[in-house]
N, C-alpha and C. Protein backbone atom coordinates (compact mmCIF):
# COMPACT_ATOMS: atom_id res chain seq x y z
N MET A 1 130.64 99.65 75.09
CA MET A 1 129.26 99.37 74.80
C MET A 1 128.71 98.30 75.72
N LYS A 2 129.54 97.21 75.91
CA LYS A 2 129.12 96.14 76.80
C LYS A 2 128.96 96.67 78.23
N THR A 3 129.86 97.54 78.64
CA THR A 3 129.80 98.12 79.98
C THR A 3 128.53 98.93 80.16
N LEU A 4 128.16 99.68 79.13
CA LEU A 4 126.95 100.48 79.19
C LEU A 4 125.71 99.59 79.30
N LEU A 5 125.69 98.51 78.54
CA LEU A 5 124.56 97.56 78.61
C LEU A 5 124.49 96.90 79.98
N LEU A 6 125.65 96.55 80.55
CA LEU A 6 125.70 95.94 81.87
C LEU A 6 125.16 96.90 82.94
N ILE A 7 125.56 98.16 82.87
CA ILE A 7 125.10 99.16 83.83
C ILE A 7 123.59 99.37 83.68
N ALA A 8 123.10 99.46 82.46
CA ALA A 8 121.67 99.64 82.20
C ALA A 8 120.87 98.46 82.73
N SER A 9 121.39 97.23 82.52
CA SER A 9 120.71 96.03 83.01
C SER A 9 120.63 96.02 84.53
N CYS A 10 121.75 96.38 85.17
CA CYS A 10 121.78 96.43 86.64
C CYS A 10 120.78 97.45 87.17
N LEU A 11 120.75 98.63 86.55
CA LEU A 11 119.81 99.65 86.99
C LEU A 11 118.37 99.18 86.82
N LEU A 12 118.09 98.51 85.74
CA LEU A 12 116.75 97.99 85.49
C LEU A 12 116.37 96.96 86.55
N VAL A 13 117.28 96.03 86.84
CA VAL A 13 117.01 94.98 87.84
C VAL A 13 116.82 95.60 89.22
N PHE A 14 117.77 96.45 89.65
CA PHE A 14 117.67 97.05 90.98
C PHE A 14 116.49 98.00 91.09
N GLY A 15 116.22 98.71 90.02
CA GLY A 15 115.08 99.63 90.02
C GLY A 15 113.77 98.90 90.16
N SER A 16 113.62 97.77 89.46
CA SER A 16 112.37 97.02 89.56
C SER A 16 112.24 96.34 90.91
N CYS A 17 113.33 95.91 91.52
CA CYS A 17 113.28 95.32 92.87
C CYS A 17 112.82 96.36 93.87
N ASN A 18 113.36 97.56 93.76
CA ASN A 18 112.99 98.62 94.67
C ASN A 18 111.51 98.96 94.54
N THR A 19 111.00 99.03 93.33
CA THR A 19 109.60 99.34 93.10
C THR A 19 108.71 98.27 93.72
N LYS A 20 109.07 96.99 93.55
CA LYS A 20 108.26 95.92 94.13
C LYS A 20 108.22 96.03 95.64
N SER A 21 109.35 96.30 96.27
CA SER A 21 109.36 96.39 97.71
C SER A 21 108.59 97.62 98.19
N GLU A 22 108.64 98.73 97.43
CA GLU A 22 107.85 99.90 97.79
C GLU A 22 106.36 99.59 97.68
N LYS A 23 105.95 98.89 96.62
CA LYS A 23 104.55 98.51 96.45
C LYS A 23 104.11 97.61 97.59
N LEU A 24 104.96 96.69 98.00
CA LEU A 24 104.62 95.77 99.08
C LEU A 24 104.40 96.56 100.37
N ASN A 25 105.30 97.51 100.67
CA ASN A 25 105.14 98.31 101.87
C ASN A 25 103.88 99.17 101.81
N LEU A 26 103.62 99.76 100.65
CA LEU A 26 102.41 100.56 100.51
C LEU A 26 101.18 99.70 100.70
N ASN A 27 101.20 98.49 100.19
CA ASN A 27 100.08 97.58 100.33
C ASN A 27 99.84 97.24 101.80
N GLU A 28 100.90 96.96 102.55
CA GLU A 28 100.77 96.64 103.97
C GLU A 28 100.23 97.84 104.74
N ASP A 29 100.65 99.05 104.36
CA ASP A 29 100.21 100.25 105.05
C ASP A 29 98.75 100.60 104.74
N SER A 30 98.16 99.96 103.77
CA SER A 30 96.80 100.31 103.39
C SER A 30 95.75 99.67 104.30
N TYR A 31 96.15 98.90 105.29
CA TYR A 31 95.21 98.31 106.25
C TYR A 31 95.07 99.25 107.44
N TYR A 32 93.84 99.37 107.96
CA TYR A 32 93.57 100.33 109.02
C TYR A 32 92.34 99.94 109.82
N LEU A 33 92.21 100.53 111.00
CA LEU A 33 91.02 100.44 111.82
C LEU A 33 90.95 101.72 112.65
N THR A 34 89.96 102.57 112.37
CA THR A 34 89.80 103.84 113.08
C THR A 34 88.34 104.00 113.50
N VAL A 35 88.11 104.83 114.53
CA VAL A 35 86.74 105.14 114.98
C VAL A 35 86.79 106.41 115.82
N LYS A 36 85.71 107.16 115.81
CA LYS A 36 85.57 108.29 116.73
C LYS A 36 84.84 107.78 117.97
N ILE A 37 85.41 108.07 119.14
CA ILE A 37 84.77 107.69 120.41
C ILE A 37 84.39 108.98 121.10
N ASN A 38 83.07 109.17 121.25
CA ASN A 38 82.54 110.43 121.79
C ASN A 38 83.13 111.63 121.05
N GLY A 39 83.26 111.50 119.72
CA GLY A 39 83.70 112.61 118.87
C GLY A 39 85.20 112.74 118.68
N ILE A 40 86.02 111.93 119.37
CA ILE A 40 87.48 112.02 119.25
C ILE A 40 87.98 110.81 118.46
N LYS A 41 88.77 111.07 117.41
CA LYS A 41 89.26 110.00 116.55
C LYS A 41 90.34 109.17 117.25
N HIS A 42 90.20 107.85 117.15
CA HIS A 42 91.17 106.90 117.70
C HIS A 42 91.59 105.94 116.59
N THR A 43 92.87 105.59 116.58
CA THR A 43 93.42 104.68 115.59
C THR A 43 93.90 103.42 116.29
N PHE A 44 93.60 102.27 115.74
CA PHE A 44 93.96 100.98 116.33
C PHE A 44 94.86 100.21 115.36
N ASN A 45 95.96 100.83 114.92
CA ASN A 45 96.82 100.23 113.91
C ASN A 45 98.10 99.63 114.46
N ASP A 46 98.28 99.59 115.79
CA ASP A 46 99.50 98.97 116.33
C ASP A 46 99.53 97.48 116.00
N LYS A 47 98.37 96.89 116.02
CA LYS A 47 98.23 95.50 115.57
C LYS A 47 96.78 95.32 115.17
N ILE A 48 96.59 94.83 113.96
CA ILE A 48 95.23 94.56 113.48
C ILE A 48 95.20 93.12 113.03
N ASP A 49 94.20 92.38 113.47
CA ASP A 49 94.10 91.02 112.96
C ASP A 49 92.65 90.60 112.76
N LEU A 50 92.48 89.66 111.90
CA LEU A 50 91.18 89.06 111.61
C LEU A 50 91.34 87.58 111.87
N LYS A 51 90.57 87.07 112.81
CA LYS A 51 90.63 85.65 113.14
C LYS A 51 89.31 85.00 112.79
N SER A 52 89.39 83.89 112.12
CA SER A 52 88.20 83.10 111.83
C SER A 52 88.20 81.91 112.77
N THR A 53 87.19 81.88 113.65
CA THR A 53 87.13 80.77 114.59
C THR A 53 86.37 79.58 113.99
N THR A 54 85.43 79.86 113.11
CA THR A 54 84.73 78.82 112.34
C THR A 54 84.46 79.41 110.97
N SER A 55 83.80 78.66 110.09
CA SER A 55 83.51 79.19 108.76
C SER A 55 82.49 80.33 108.82
N LEU A 56 81.79 80.47 109.95
CA LEU A 56 80.79 81.54 110.08
C LEU A 56 81.14 82.57 111.16
N SER A 57 82.32 82.50 111.73
CA SER A 57 82.66 83.42 112.81
C SER A 57 83.99 84.11 112.54
N ASN A 58 83.95 85.44 112.50
CA ASN A 58 85.15 86.24 112.27
C ASN A 58 85.28 87.27 113.38
N ILE A 59 86.46 87.44 113.89
CA ILE A 59 86.72 88.42 114.94
C ILE A 59 87.81 89.35 114.48
N ILE A 60 87.51 90.66 114.43
CA ILE A 60 88.48 91.69 114.08
C ILE A 60 88.96 92.32 115.38
N ASN A 61 90.25 92.39 115.56
CA ASN A 61 90.84 93.05 116.72
C ASN A 61 91.77 94.16 116.25
N GLY A 62 91.66 95.31 116.89
CA GLY A 62 92.58 96.41 116.65
C GLY A 62 93.13 96.89 117.98
N TYR A 63 94.42 97.19 118.02
CA TYR A 63 95.09 97.57 119.26
C TYR A 63 95.71 98.95 119.15
N ASN A 64 95.69 99.70 120.25
CA ASN A 64 96.38 100.97 120.37
C ASN A 64 97.24 100.87 121.63
N LYS A 65 98.55 100.62 121.44
CA LYS A 65 99.45 100.41 122.58
C LYS A 65 99.59 101.65 123.45
N GLU A 66 99.65 102.83 122.84
CA GLU A 66 99.83 104.06 123.60
C GLU A 66 98.66 104.31 124.55
N GLU A 67 97.44 104.12 124.04
CA GLU A 67 96.25 104.35 124.87
C GLU A 67 95.88 103.14 125.72
N LYS A 68 96.54 101.99 125.46
CA LYS A 68 96.24 100.72 126.14
C LYS A 68 94.78 100.34 125.94
N THR A 69 94.36 100.40 124.67
CA THR A 69 92.99 100.09 124.32
C THR A 69 92.93 99.08 123.19
N ARG A 70 91.78 98.43 123.09
CA ARG A 70 91.55 97.45 122.04
C ARG A 70 90.08 97.54 121.63
N ILE A 71 89.83 97.31 120.36
CA ILE A 71 88.46 97.24 119.88
C ILE A 71 88.28 95.90 119.19
N THR A 72 87.14 95.27 119.43
CA THR A 72 86.85 93.95 118.87
C THR A 72 85.50 94.01 118.16
N LEU A 73 85.49 93.54 116.92
CA LEU A 73 84.27 93.45 116.14
C LEU A 73 84.04 91.98 115.84
N GLY A 74 83.01 91.40 116.40
CA GLY A 74 82.72 89.99 116.17
C GLY A 74 81.56 89.85 115.21
N LEU A 75 81.74 89.05 114.17
CA LEU A 75 80.72 88.86 113.15
C LEU A 75 80.48 87.39 112.92
N ASN A 76 79.22 87.00 112.89
CA ASN A 76 78.87 85.64 112.51
C ASN A 76 78.33 85.69 111.09
N LEU A 77 79.22 85.58 110.11
CA LEU A 77 78.83 85.58 108.71
C LEU A 77 79.87 84.82 107.90
N ASN A 78 79.43 84.33 106.75
CA ASN A 78 80.36 83.54 105.95
C ASN A 78 81.41 84.42 105.30
N ASN A 79 82.45 83.81 104.78
CA ASN A 79 83.63 84.53 104.32
C ASN A 79 83.45 85.37 103.07
N LYS A 80 82.32 85.32 102.41
CA LYS A 80 82.12 86.11 101.19
C LYS A 80 80.97 87.10 101.31
N LYS A 81 80.30 87.16 102.43
CA LYS A 81 79.09 87.96 102.59
C LYS A 81 79.41 89.45 102.73
N THR A 82 78.54 90.30 102.16
CA THR A 82 78.61 91.75 102.34
C THR A 82 77.23 92.23 102.76
N GLY A 83 77.14 93.47 103.21
CA GLY A 83 75.86 94.04 103.62
C GLY A 83 75.97 94.69 104.98
N THR A 84 74.82 95.15 105.49
CA THR A 84 74.76 95.79 106.80
C THR A 84 74.15 94.83 107.80
N PHE A 85 74.80 94.71 108.95
CA PHE A 85 74.39 93.78 109.99
C PHE A 85 74.26 94.56 111.30
N ASN A 86 73.21 94.25 112.08
CA ASN A 86 73.06 94.92 113.37
C ASN A 86 73.18 93.89 114.49
N ILE A 87 73.09 94.34 115.74
CA ILE A 87 73.37 93.40 116.82
C ILE A 87 72.37 92.25 116.90
N GLU A 88 71.22 92.40 116.29
CA GLU A 88 70.29 91.27 116.23
C GLU A 88 70.76 90.21 115.23
N ASP A 89 71.69 90.56 114.36
CA ASP A 89 72.23 89.62 113.36
C ASP A 89 73.50 88.92 113.87
N ASN A 90 73.62 88.76 115.18
CA ASN A 90 74.77 88.07 115.79
C ASN A 90 76.10 88.77 115.55
N ILE A 91 76.12 90.07 115.79
CA ILE A 91 77.40 90.76 115.82
C ILE A 91 77.62 91.28 117.24
N THR A 92 78.86 91.38 117.63
CA THR A 92 79.22 91.92 118.94
C THR A 92 80.30 92.96 118.73
N LEU A 93 80.13 94.12 119.34
CA LEU A 93 81.09 95.20 119.23
C LEU A 93 81.56 95.52 120.65
N VAL A 94 82.87 95.50 120.88
CA VAL A 94 83.40 95.67 122.22
C VAL A 94 84.61 96.59 122.19
N TYR A 95 84.68 97.49 123.16
CA TYR A 95 85.82 98.38 123.33
C TYR A 95 86.41 98.10 124.71
N HIS A 96 87.73 97.88 124.77
CA HIS A 96 88.42 97.57 126.02
C HIS A 96 89.40 98.68 126.34
N SER A 97 89.40 99.14 127.58
CA SER A 97 90.37 100.12 128.03
C SER A 97 91.04 99.56 129.28
N LYS A 98 92.37 99.51 129.27
CA LYS A 98 93.12 98.91 130.38
C LYS A 98 93.79 100.02 131.19
N ILE A 99 93.51 100.03 132.49
CA ILE A 99 94.18 100.98 133.36
C ILE A 99 94.83 100.20 134.51
N THR A 100 95.72 100.85 135.21
CA THR A 100 96.34 100.23 136.38
C THR A 100 95.80 100.92 137.62
N PHE A 101 95.23 100.14 138.53
CA PHE A 101 94.67 100.67 139.76
C PHE A 101 95.30 99.93 140.93
N LYS A 102 95.99 100.66 141.79
CA LYS A 102 96.69 100.06 142.93
C LYS A 102 97.63 98.94 142.49
N GLY A 103 98.33 99.19 141.37
CA GLY A 103 99.32 98.24 140.88
C GLY A 103 98.78 97.05 140.11
N LYS A 104 97.46 96.98 139.92
CA LYS A 104 96.86 95.85 139.19
C LYS A 104 96.14 96.36 137.94
N PRO A 105 96.28 95.60 136.83
CA PRO A 105 95.58 96.03 135.61
C PRO A 105 94.08 95.76 135.73
N ILE A 106 93.29 96.74 135.32
CA ILE A 106 91.84 96.61 135.30
C ILE A 106 91.38 96.89 133.88
N HIS A 107 90.47 96.08 133.39
CA HIS A 107 89.92 96.28 132.04
C HIS A 107 88.51 96.85 132.15
N TYR A 108 88.32 98.02 131.55
CA TYR A 108 86.98 98.56 131.42
C TYR A 108 86.47 98.14 130.05
N ILE A 109 85.24 97.73 129.99
CA ILE A 109 84.69 97.20 128.74
C ILE A 109 83.36 97.88 128.43
N TRP A 110 83.20 98.29 127.16
CA TRP A 110 81.94 98.83 126.69
C TRP A 110 81.42 97.91 125.59
N HIS A 111 80.23 97.36 125.78
CA HIS A 111 79.65 96.36 124.88
C HIS A 111 78.52 96.96 124.04
N ALA A 112 78.37 96.43 122.86
CA ALA A 112 77.14 96.56 122.08
C ALA A 112 76.85 95.15 121.59
N LYS A 113 75.94 94.50 122.26
CA LYS A 113 75.53 93.16 121.85
C LYS A 113 74.09 92.93 122.28
N LYS A 114 73.50 91.91 121.74
CA LYS A 114 72.09 91.62 121.92
C LYS A 114 71.69 91.56 123.40
N SER A 115 72.55 91.00 124.24
CA SER A 115 72.19 90.80 125.65
C SER A 115 72.41 92.03 126.52
N VAL A 116 72.98 93.12 125.99
CA VAL A 116 73.21 94.33 126.77
C VAL A 116 72.10 95.33 126.45
N LEU A 117 71.21 95.53 127.40
CA LEU A 117 70.06 96.39 127.22
C LEU A 117 70.49 97.82 126.91
N GLY A 118 69.91 98.40 125.88
CA GLY A 118 70.21 99.79 125.51
C GLY A 118 71.33 99.95 124.51
N SER A 119 72.08 98.89 124.23
CA SER A 119 73.17 99.03 123.27
C SER A 119 72.64 98.90 121.85
N LEU A 120 73.29 99.58 120.94
CA LEU A 120 72.95 99.57 119.52
C LEU A 120 74.23 99.40 118.73
N GLY A 121 74.11 98.90 117.52
CA GLY A 121 75.31 98.83 116.70
C GLY A 121 75.07 98.20 115.35
N THR A 122 75.87 98.64 114.37
CA THR A 122 75.83 98.05 113.03
C THR A 122 77.25 97.94 112.48
N ILE A 123 77.43 96.96 111.64
CA ILE A 123 78.65 96.81 110.84
C ILE A 123 78.19 96.67 109.40
N THR A 124 78.83 97.42 108.51
CA THR A 124 78.56 97.28 107.09
C THR A 124 79.82 96.74 106.43
N ILE A 125 79.71 95.58 105.82
CA ILE A 125 80.82 94.98 105.07
C ILE A 125 80.65 95.42 103.63
N THR A 126 81.58 96.26 103.15
CA THR A 126 81.49 96.77 101.78
C THR A 126 82.27 95.92 100.79
N LYS A 127 83.39 95.33 101.24
CA LYS A 127 84.18 94.44 100.38
C LYS A 127 84.63 93.24 101.20
N ASN A 128 84.46 92.07 100.62
CA ASN A 128 84.83 90.83 101.29
C ASN A 128 85.48 89.93 100.24
N THR A 129 86.80 90.04 100.13
CA THR A 129 87.54 89.30 99.11
C THR A 129 88.37 88.20 99.77
N ASP A 130 89.09 87.44 98.97
CA ASP A 130 90.01 86.44 99.52
C ASP A 130 91.16 87.10 100.28
N ALA A 131 91.49 88.35 99.92
CA ALA A 131 92.65 89.03 100.52
C ALA A 131 92.31 89.89 101.74
N TYR A 132 91.12 90.52 101.76
CA TYR A 132 90.82 91.44 102.85
C TYR A 132 89.33 91.60 103.08
N LEU A 133 89.00 92.21 104.22
CA LEU A 133 87.64 92.55 104.62
C LEU A 133 87.62 94.05 104.86
N GLU A 134 86.64 94.76 104.27
CA GLU A 134 86.59 96.21 104.40
C GLU A 134 85.17 96.64 104.74
N GLY A 135 85.05 97.67 105.59
CA GLY A 135 83.73 98.15 105.92
C GLY A 135 83.72 99.28 106.92
N THR A 136 82.53 99.54 107.46
CA THR A 136 82.31 100.61 108.43
C THR A 136 81.53 100.06 109.60
N PHE A 137 81.55 100.81 110.72
CA PHE A 137 80.77 100.40 111.88
C PHE A 137 80.48 101.59 112.77
N SER A 138 79.45 101.44 113.60
CA SER A 138 79.14 102.42 114.63
C SER A 138 78.37 101.68 115.71
N PHE A 139 78.51 102.17 116.94
CA PHE A 139 77.73 101.56 118.02
C PHE A 139 77.67 102.44 119.25
N LYS A 140 76.68 102.13 120.08
CA LYS A 140 76.55 102.75 121.40
C LYS A 140 76.97 101.67 122.39
N GLY A 141 78.10 101.90 123.04
CA GLY A 141 78.62 100.91 123.98
C GLY A 141 78.22 101.25 125.41
N ILE A 142 77.78 100.25 126.15
CA ILE A 142 77.38 100.40 127.54
C ILE A 142 78.49 99.82 128.41
N GLY A 143 78.99 100.61 129.37
CA GLY A 143 80.02 100.13 130.28
C GLY A 143 79.53 98.93 131.07
N SER A 144 80.38 97.93 131.22
CA SER A 144 79.94 96.67 131.83
C SER A 144 80.50 96.43 133.23
N THR A 145 81.05 97.47 133.85
CA THR A 145 81.56 97.29 135.21
C THR A 145 80.80 98.20 136.17
N LYS A 146 80.79 97.82 137.44
CA LYS A 146 80.15 98.65 138.45
C LYS A 146 80.90 99.97 138.62
N ILE A 147 82.21 99.94 138.37
CA ILE A 147 83.03 101.14 138.49
C ILE A 147 82.68 102.13 137.39
N ASP A 148 82.41 101.64 136.18
CA ASP A 148 82.10 102.53 135.07
C ASP A 148 81.03 101.91 134.17
N SER A 149 79.80 102.36 134.33
CA SER A 149 78.71 101.88 133.48
C SER A 149 78.26 102.98 132.52
N SER A 150 79.20 103.88 132.19
CA SER A 150 78.89 104.99 131.30
C SER A 150 78.60 104.51 129.89
N VAL A 151 78.12 105.42 129.07
CA VAL A 151 77.83 105.15 127.67
C VAL A 151 78.89 105.85 126.83
N LYS A 152 79.41 105.14 125.83
CA LYS A 152 80.33 105.73 124.86
C LYS A 152 79.71 105.56 123.47
N ILE A 153 79.82 106.61 122.68
CA ILE A 153 79.26 106.58 121.32
C ILE A 153 80.42 106.44 120.33
N PHE A 154 80.37 105.40 119.52
CA PHE A 154 81.40 105.07 118.53
C PHE A 154 80.82 105.37 117.14
N THR A 155 81.43 106.34 116.44
CA THR A 155 80.94 106.74 115.12
C THR A 155 82.07 106.74 114.11
N GLU A 156 81.71 106.75 112.85
CA GLU A 156 82.66 106.84 111.74
C GLU A 156 83.75 105.77 111.80
N GLY A 157 83.40 104.60 112.31
CA GLY A 157 84.35 103.49 112.33
C GLY A 157 84.62 102.98 110.92
N LYS A 158 85.90 102.77 110.60
CA LYS A 158 86.29 102.26 109.28
C LYS A 158 87.38 101.22 109.46
N PHE A 159 87.36 100.21 108.62
CA PHE A 159 88.42 99.20 108.69
C PHE A 159 88.67 98.58 107.33
N LYS A 160 89.89 98.16 107.16
CA LYS A 160 90.31 97.30 106.06
C LYS A 160 91.33 96.36 106.67
N ILE A 161 90.98 95.10 106.75
CA ILE A 161 91.77 94.10 107.48
C ILE A 161 92.22 93.01 106.53
N LYS A 162 93.49 92.69 106.58
CA LYS A 162 94.05 91.62 105.75
C LYS A 162 93.59 90.27 106.30
N LYS A 163 93.14 89.43 105.40
CA LYS A 163 92.76 88.07 105.80
C LYS A 163 94.00 87.21 105.90
N GLN A 164 94.05 86.38 106.91
CA GLN A 164 95.18 85.49 107.13
C GLN A 164 95.02 84.26 106.25
N LYS A 165 96.11 83.76 105.74
CA LYS A 165 96.11 82.50 104.97
C LYS A 165 96.23 81.35 105.96
N PHE A 166 95.35 80.37 105.83
CA PHE A 166 95.37 79.22 106.75
C PHE A 166 95.90 77.99 106.05
């Protein structure tokens, strides 16, 4: 009888530990940053971070190692604010693409910010908690180099980013 109770106790302890670790992994996997660029879906989940440079400035970065690309969403808003913000509300949306040309890395950049004529963009913050920031975005990015000044359309952008503890 004692042996049976000991086995049952062990199973209960190990079973609950396993469940907690599974929940933790599922929770970590629930963070994402995706967007369609000219109609093609791109995922930036190789590394996602949210950096607060001041109490009113937050920068979201998402990386895609395979494509050698990065997307940056800069927001000037306090840590609890929600709503829709456009580039006139001090947001900056930037897409970076890194290529190698003649053995040297070159960064192509598409901006949507107030100072770039013709660019448009919005970010909607739907949830802003102590643990994470969640929302959507879209923008028209204008290429900022003489080599490539093309326009890219970013639609159906979605993100859920874990806030860092300071």
